[in-house]
Amino acid sequence: QVTLEESGGGLVQAGGSLRLSCTASGRPFSVYAMAWFRHAPGKERQFVSSIRWSGCSTYYSDSVKDRFMISRHRSKNEWYLQMNNLKPKDTAVYYCAVQGVGASNYDRWGQGTQVTVSS
């Protein structure tokens, strides 16, 4: 059983920054990619960013590109989302997720961490 736990959420003013962390624990498994998604009230869950296990490829949604940066720790089962120049529209619950090797989609999810950006 793999457990993902997010941390780093909170309340910040517009223009501020937050850094989210995701820690994976439990039974080791082969990872293809790690990602961040978010879910705002009244909206569908949205892809935010992902990174391949190798760290060589990163992807961002247009809404966060140039403001957010995803990274991973080389020796720990952790990855991060540095969020800069936050906007009220970034307010959401942020989830980390993992796609295992051979999986067709992200199949392991954290419980989420709330990010609230005030204007």
N, C-alpha and C. Protein backbone atom coordinates (compact mmCIF):
# COMPACT_ATOMS: atom_id res chain seq x y z
N GLN A 1 0.85 -1.20 0.00
CA GLN A 1 0.00 0.00 0.00
C GLN A 1 0.88 1.25 0.00
N VAL A 2 0.61 2.16 -0.90
CA VAL A 2 1.36 3.40 -1.00
C VAL A 2 0.50 4.54 -0.47
N THR A 3 1.08 5.37 0.33
CA THR A 3 0.40 6.54 0.88
C THR A 3 1.09 7.82 0.42
N LEU A 4 0.30 8.76 -0.05
CA LEU A 4 0.82 10.07 -0.44
C LEU A 4 0.29 11.10 0.53
N GLU A 5 1.14 11.99 0.96
CA GLU A 5 0.73 13.03 1.90
C GLU A 5 1.25 14.38 1.44
N GLU A 6 0.33 15.31 1.26
CA GLU A 6 0.68 16.67 0.88
C GLU A 6 0.88 17.54 2.11
N SER A 7 1.69 18.56 1.95
CA SER A 7 1.86 19.57 2.99
C SER A 7 2.24 20.88 2.34
N GLY A 8 2.12 21.96 3.10
CA GLY A 8 2.55 23.26 2.61
C GLY A 8 1.45 24.20 2.19
N GLY A 9 0.22 23.74 2.21
CA GLY A 9 -0.87 24.62 1.84
C GLY A 9 -1.10 25.69 2.90
N GLY A 10 -1.96 26.65 2.58
CA GLY A 10 -2.27 27.69 3.54
C GLY A 10 -2.93 28.88 2.90
N LEU A 11 -2.96 29.97 3.64
CA LEU A 11 -3.57 31.21 3.18
C LEU A 11 -2.46 32.20 2.83
N VAL A 12 -2.56 32.80 1.65
CA VAL A 12 -1.55 33.74 1.21
C VAL A 12 -2.22 34.86 0.43
N GLN A 13 -1.62 36.02 0.46
CA GLN A 13 -2.16 37.13 -0.32
C GLN A 13 -1.76 37.01 -1.78
N ALA A 14 -2.54 37.60 -2.63
CA ALA A 14 -2.22 37.60 -4.05
C ALA A 14 -0.82 38.16 -4.28
N GLY A 15 -0.08 37.49 -5.14
CA GLY A 15 1.30 37.87 -5.39
C GLY A 15 2.30 37.12 -4.54
N GLY A 16 1.81 36.42 -3.55
CA GLY A 16 2.68 35.67 -2.66
C GLY A 16 3.07 34.31 -3.21
N SER A 17 3.78 33.55 -2.39
CA SER A 17 4.30 32.24 -2.81
C SER A 17 4.01 31.19 -1.75
N LEU A 18 3.89 29.97 -2.22
CA LEU A 18 3.78 28.80 -1.35
C LEU A 18 4.55 27.66 -2.00
N ARG A 19 5.01 26.74 -1.18
CA ARG A 19 5.68 25.55 -1.70
C ARG A 19 4.97 24.33 -1.14
N LEU A 20 4.40 23.55 -2.02
CA LEU A 20 3.75 22.31 -1.63
C LEU A 20 4.74 21.16 -1.71
N SER A 21 4.58 20.23 -0.80
CA SER A 21 5.40 19.03 -0.80
C SER A 21 4.50 17.81 -0.81
N CYS A 22 4.97 16.76 -1.43
CA CYS A 22 4.26 15.48 -1.42
C CYS A 22 5.26 14.40 -1.04
N THR A 23 4.92 13.62 -0.04
CA THR A 23 5.78 12.53 0.41
C THR A 23 5.08 11.21 0.20
N ALA A 24 5.77 10.30 -0.46
CA ALA A 24 5.23 8.96 -0.70
C ALA A 24 5.86 8.00 0.30
N SER A 25 5.05 7.14 0.86
CA SER A 25 5.55 6.15 1.80
C SER A 25 4.81 4.85 1.59
N GLY A 26 5.37 3.78 2.15
CA GLY A 26 4.74 2.48 2.03
C GLY A 26 5.53 1.57 1.13
N ARG A 27 4.83 0.63 0.54
CA ARG A 27 5.46 -0.38 -0.28
C ARG A 27 6.11 0.25 -1.52
N PRO A 28 7.38 0.00 -1.76
CA PRO A 28 8.04 0.55 -2.95
C PRO A 28 7.39 0.07 -4.24
N PHE A 29 7.33 0.94 -5.21
CA PHE A 29 6.82 0.55 -6.52
C PHE A 29 7.49 1.41 -7.58
N SER A 30 7.41 0.99 -8.80
CA SER A 30 8.06 1.71 -9.89
C SER A 30 7.17 2.86 -10.34
N VAL A 31 7.74 4.02 -10.35
CA VAL A 31 6.99 5.24 -10.67
C VAL A 31 7.34 5.72 -12.07
N TYR A 32 6.33 6.08 -12.83
CA TYR A 32 6.54 6.66 -14.15
C TYR A 32 6.52 8.19 -14.08
N ALA A 33 5.57 8.73 -13.33
CA ALA A 33 5.44 10.17 -13.23
C ALA A 33 4.74 10.57 -11.95
N MET A 34 5.03 11.80 -11.51
CA MET A 34 4.36 12.38 -10.36
C MET A 34 3.71 13.68 -10.81
N ALA A 35 2.63 14.04 -10.15
CA ALA A 35 1.88 15.20 -10.63
C ALA A 35 1.19 15.93 -9.49
N TRP A 36 0.72 17.11 -9.86
CA TRP A 36 -0.16 17.91 -9.00
C TRP A 36 -1.43 18.23 -9.77
N PHE A 37 -2.54 18.09 -9.10
CA PHE A 37 -3.85 18.48 -9.61
C PHE A 37 -4.47 19.43 -8.59
N ARG A 38 -5.52 20.12 -9.01
CA ARG A 38 -6.24 20.95 -8.06
C ARG A 38 -7.73 20.88 -8.35
N HIS A 39 -8.51 21.15 -7.31
CA HIS A 39 -9.96 21.09 -7.43
C HIS A 39 -10.54 22.28 -6.70
N ALA A 40 -11.10 23.19 -7.45
CA ALA A 40 -11.74 24.37 -6.89
C ALA A 40 -13.24 24.12 -6.76
N PRO A 41 -13.90 24.75 -5.81
CA PRO A 41 -15.34 24.56 -5.63
C PRO A 41 -16.11 24.90 -6.90
N GLY A 42 -17.00 24.01 -7.28
CA GLY A 42 -17.84 24.26 -8.45
C GLY A 42 -17.16 24.00 -9.77
N LYS A 43 -15.92 23.53 -9.73
CA LYS A 43 -15.18 23.27 -10.96
C LYS A 43 -14.70 21.83 -10.98
N GLU A 44 -14.33 21.37 -12.18
CA GLU A 44 -13.78 20.02 -12.28
C GLU A 44 -12.31 20.03 -11.84
N ARG A 45 -11.86 18.84 -11.47
CA ARG A 45 -10.45 18.70 -11.11
C ARG A 45 -9.59 19.07 -12.32
N GLN A 46 -8.52 19.80 -12.04
CA GLN A 46 -7.68 20.33 -13.11
C GLN A 46 -6.24 19.87 -12.95
N PHE A 47 -5.64 19.45 -14.05
CA PHE A 47 -4.21 19.13 -14.05
C PHE A 47 -3.42 20.42 -13.86
N VAL A 48 -2.40 20.36 -13.01
CA VAL A 48 -1.55 21.53 -12.78
C VAL A 48 -0.16 21.32 -13.36
N SER A 49 0.48 20.22 -12.97
CA SER A 49 1.85 20.00 -13.42
C SER A 49 2.24 18.56 -13.18
N SER A 50 3.21 18.08 -13.95
CA SER A 50 3.73 16.74 -13.74
C SER A 50 5.21 16.69 -14.06
N ILE A 51 5.85 15.65 -13.55
CA ILE A 51 7.27 15.44 -13.78
C ILE A 51 7.54 13.95 -13.91
N ARG A 52 8.33 13.57 -14.86
CA ARG A 52 8.71 12.18 -15.01
C ARG A 52 9.65 11.78 -13.88
N TRP A 53 9.63 10.49 -13.55
CA TRP A 53 10.48 10.01 -12.47
C TRP A 53 11.95 10.39 -12.73
N SER A 54 12.34 10.36 -13.97
CA SER A 54 13.71 10.71 -14.32
C SER A 54 14.01 12.18 -14.05
N GLY A 55 12.96 12.98 -13.97
CA GLY A 55 13.14 14.41 -13.76
C GLY A 55 13.46 15.18 -15.01
N CYS A 56 13.55 14.47 -16.12
CA CYS A 56 13.97 15.11 -17.37
C CYS A 56 12.84 15.87 -18.06
N SER A 57 11.61 15.50 -17.76
CA SER A 57 10.49 16.14 -18.46
C SER A 57 9.49 16.69 -17.45
N THR A 58 9.09 17.91 -17.68
CA THR A 58 8.07 18.53 -16.83
C THR A 58 6.98 19.12 -17.71
N TYR A 59 5.78 19.19 -17.18
CA TYR A 59 4.64 19.69 -17.93
C TYR A 59 3.82 20.60 -17.02
N TYR A 60 3.22 21.61 -17.62
CA TYR A 60 2.42 22.58 -16.87
C TYR A 60 1.16 22.93 -17.64
N SER A 61 0.11 23.22 -16.91
CA SER A 61 -1.08 23.76 -17.56
C SER A 61 -0.79 25.21 -17.92
N ASP A 62 -1.48 25.69 -18.91
CA ASP A 62 -1.26 27.07 -19.36
C ASP A 62 -1.52 28.08 -18.25
N SER A 63 -2.44 27.75 -17.35
CA SER A 63 -2.83 28.70 -16.31
C SER A 63 -1.76 28.92 -15.25
N VAL A 64 -0.79 28.00 -15.17
CA VAL A 64 0.24 28.13 -14.13
C VAL A 64 1.64 28.24 -14.72
N LYS A 65 1.74 28.04 -16.02
CA LYS A 65 3.05 28.09 -16.65
C LYS A 65 3.71 29.42 -16.37
N ASP A 66 5.00 29.40 -16.10
CA ASP A 66 5.81 30.58 -15.80
C ASP A 66 5.61 31.10 -14.39
N ARG A 67 4.69 30.51 -13.63
CA ARG A 67 4.50 30.90 -12.23
C ARG A 67 4.80 29.77 -11.26
N PHE A 68 4.51 28.54 -11.67
CA PHE A 68 4.72 27.37 -10.83
C PHE A 68 5.89 26.56 -11.35
N MET A 69 6.54 25.84 -10.44
CA MET A 69 7.63 24.96 -10.85
C MET A 69 7.57 23.66 -10.06
N ILE A 70 7.59 22.55 -10.77
CA ILE A 70 7.58 21.24 -10.14
C ILE A 70 9.00 20.70 -10.09
N SER A 71 9.30 19.98 -9.01
CA SER A 71 10.62 19.37 -8.88
C SER A 71 10.51 18.14 -8.00
N ARG A 72 11.55 17.35 -7.99
CA ARG A 72 11.54 16.17 -7.13
C ARG A 72 12.89 16.04 -6.44
N HIS A 73 12.87 15.39 -5.29
CA HIS A 73 14.08 15.13 -4.56
C HIS A 73 14.71 13.87 -5.12
N ARG A 74 16.00 13.92 -5.39
CA ARG A 74 16.66 12.80 -6.04
C ARG A 74 16.76 11.56 -5.17
N SER A 75 16.87 11.73 -3.86
CA SER A 75 17.09 10.57 -3.00
C SER A 75 15.93 10.26 -2.06
N LYS A 76 14.87 11.06 -2.15
CA LYS A 76 13.70 10.83 -1.32
C LYS A 76 12.48 10.67 -2.21
N ASN A 77 11.48 10.00 -1.70
CA ASN A 77 10.21 9.89 -2.43
C ASN A 77 9.39 11.15 -2.20
N GLU A 78 9.91 12.26 -2.63
CA GLU A 78 9.23 13.53 -2.44
C GLU A 78 9.27 14.34 -3.72
N TRP A 79 8.21 15.07 -3.94
CA TRP A 79 8.23 16.06 -5.01
C TRP A 79 7.50 17.30 -4.54
N TYR A 80 7.72 18.38 -5.27
CA TYR A 80 7.33 19.68 -4.78
C TYR A 80 6.65 20.51 -5.88
N LEU A 81 5.91 21.49 -5.42
CA LEU A 81 5.33 22.47 -6.34
C LEU A 81 5.57 23.85 -5.76
N GLN A 82 6.50 24.57 -6.36
CA GLN A 82 6.76 25.94 -5.97
C GLN A 82 5.79 26.83 -6.73
N MET A 83 4.99 27.58 -5.97
CA MET A 83 3.96 28.41 -6.58
C MET A 83 4.27 29.87 -6.30
N ASN A 84 4.52 30.61 -7.32
CA ASN A 84 4.86 32.02 -7.20
C ASN A 84 3.79 32.88 -7.84
N ASN A 85 3.77 34.14 -7.45
CA ASN A 85 2.80 35.10 -8.00
C ASN A 85 1.39 34.51 -7.98
N LEU A 86 1.01 34.04 -6.83
CA LEU A 86 -0.29 33.39 -6.70
C LEU A 86 -1.43 34.37 -6.93
N LYS A 87 -2.49 33.86 -7.51
CA LYS A 87 -3.68 34.65 -7.82
C LYS A 87 -4.90 34.03 -7.15
N PRO A 88 -5.92 34.84 -6.90
CA PRO A 88 -7.13 34.27 -6.28
C PRO A 88 -7.69 33.08 -7.04
N LYS A 89 -7.52 33.04 -8.36
CA LYS A 89 -8.04 31.92 -9.14
C LYS A 89 -7.26 30.64 -8.89
N ASP A 90 -6.13 30.73 -8.19
CA ASP A 90 -5.37 29.52 -7.83
C ASP A 90 -5.94 28.84 -6.58
N THR A 91 -6.90 29.47 -5.93
CA THR A 91 -7.50 28.89 -4.74
C THR A 91 -8.15 27.56 -5.07
N ALA A 92 -7.77 26.52 -4.34
CA ALA A 92 -8.27 25.18 -4.60
C ALA A 92 -7.66 24.22 -3.58
N VAL A 93 -8.16 23.01 -3.58
CA VAL A 93 -7.48 21.92 -2.87
C VAL A 93 -6.51 21.30 -3.87
N TYR A 94 -5.27 21.19 -3.47
CA TYR A 94 -4.23 20.66 -4.33
C TYR A 94 -3.92 19.21 -3.91
N TYR A 95 -3.87 18.34 -4.91
CA TYR A 95 -3.62 16.93 -4.69
C TYR A 95 -2.35 16.51 -5.42
N CYS A 96 -1.56 15.68 -4.77
CA CYS A 96 -0.46 15.06 -5.49
C CYS A 96 -0.90 13.66 -5.92
N ALA A 97 -0.30 13.19 -6.98
CA ALA A 97 -0.69 11.90 -7.56
C ALA A 97 0.52 11.24 -8.20
N VAL A 98 0.44 9.93 -8.30
CA VAL A 98 1.52 9.15 -8.88
C VAL A 98 0.95 8.23 -9.96
N GLN A 99 1.68 8.10 -11.03
CA GLN A 99 1.36 7.13 -12.08
C GLN A 99 2.44 6.07 -12.05
N GLY A 100 2.04 4.85 -11.76
CA GLY A 100 2.99 3.76 -11.73
C GLY A 100 3.39 3.32 -13.13
N VAL A 101 4.53 2.68 -13.24
CA VAL A 101 4.96 2.14 -14.54
C VAL A 101 3.94 1.11 -15.01
N GLY A 102 3.48 1.26 -16.23
CA GLY A 102 2.48 0.35 -16.77
C GLY A 102 1.06 0.79 -16.52
N ALA A 103 0.87 1.76 -15.66
CA ALA A 103 -0.48 2.26 -15.40
C ALA A 103 -0.90 3.22 -16.51
N SER A 104 -2.18 3.26 -16.78
CA SER A 104 -2.67 4.12 -17.85
C SER A 104 -2.96 5.54 -17.36
N ASN A 105 -3.00 5.71 -16.06
CA ASN A 105 -3.31 7.02 -15.52
C ASN A 105 -2.74 7.13 -14.11
N TYR A 106 -2.96 8.28 -13.49
CA TYR A 106 -2.53 8.46 -12.11
C TYR A 106 -3.44 7.61 -11.22
N ASP A 107 -2.84 6.72 -10.47
CA ASP A 107 -3.65 5.74 -9.74
C ASP A 107 -3.43 5.76 -8.24
N ARG A 108 -2.65 6.70 -7.77
CA ARG A 108 -2.47 6.87 -6.33
C ARG A 108 -2.55 8.36 -6.04
N TRP A 109 -3.34 8.70 -5.03
CA TRP A 109 -3.63 10.10 -4.74
C TRP A 109 -3.47 10.41 -3.26
N GLY A 110 -3.08 11.66 -2.99
CA GLY A 110 -3.05 12.13 -1.62
C GLY A 110 -4.42 12.64 -1.19
N GLN A 111 -4.50 13.11 0.05
CA GLN A 111 -5.76 13.59 0.61
C GLN A 111 -6.02 15.04 0.25
N GLY A 112 -5.01 15.75 -0.18
CA GLY A 112 -5.18 17.13 -0.59
C GLY A 112 -4.77 18.12 0.49
N THR A 113 -4.36 19.31 0.03
CA THR A 113 -4.03 20.40 0.93
C THR A 113 -4.66 21.68 0.37
N GLN A 114 -5.26 22.45 1.26
CA GLN A 114 -5.99 23.64 0.82
C GLN A 114 -5.03 24.80 0.59
N VAL A 115 -5.19 25.44 -0.55
CA VAL A 115 -4.48 26.68 -0.86
C VAL A 115 -5.52 27.77 -1.08
N THR A 116 -5.41 28.83 -0.32
CA THR A 116 -6.35 29.95 -0.44
C THR A 116 -5.56 31.23 -0.69
N VAL A 117 -5.91 31.90 -1.77
CA VAL A 117 -5.23 33.13 -2.14
C VAL A 117 -6.23 34.27 -2.02
N SER A 118 -5.93 35.21 -1.16
CA SER A 118 -6.82 36.35 -0.95
C SER A 118 -6.42 37.52 -1.84
N SER A 119 -7.41 38.29 -2.23
CA SER A 119 -7.14 39.43 -3.12
C SER A 119 -6.80 40.69 -2.33
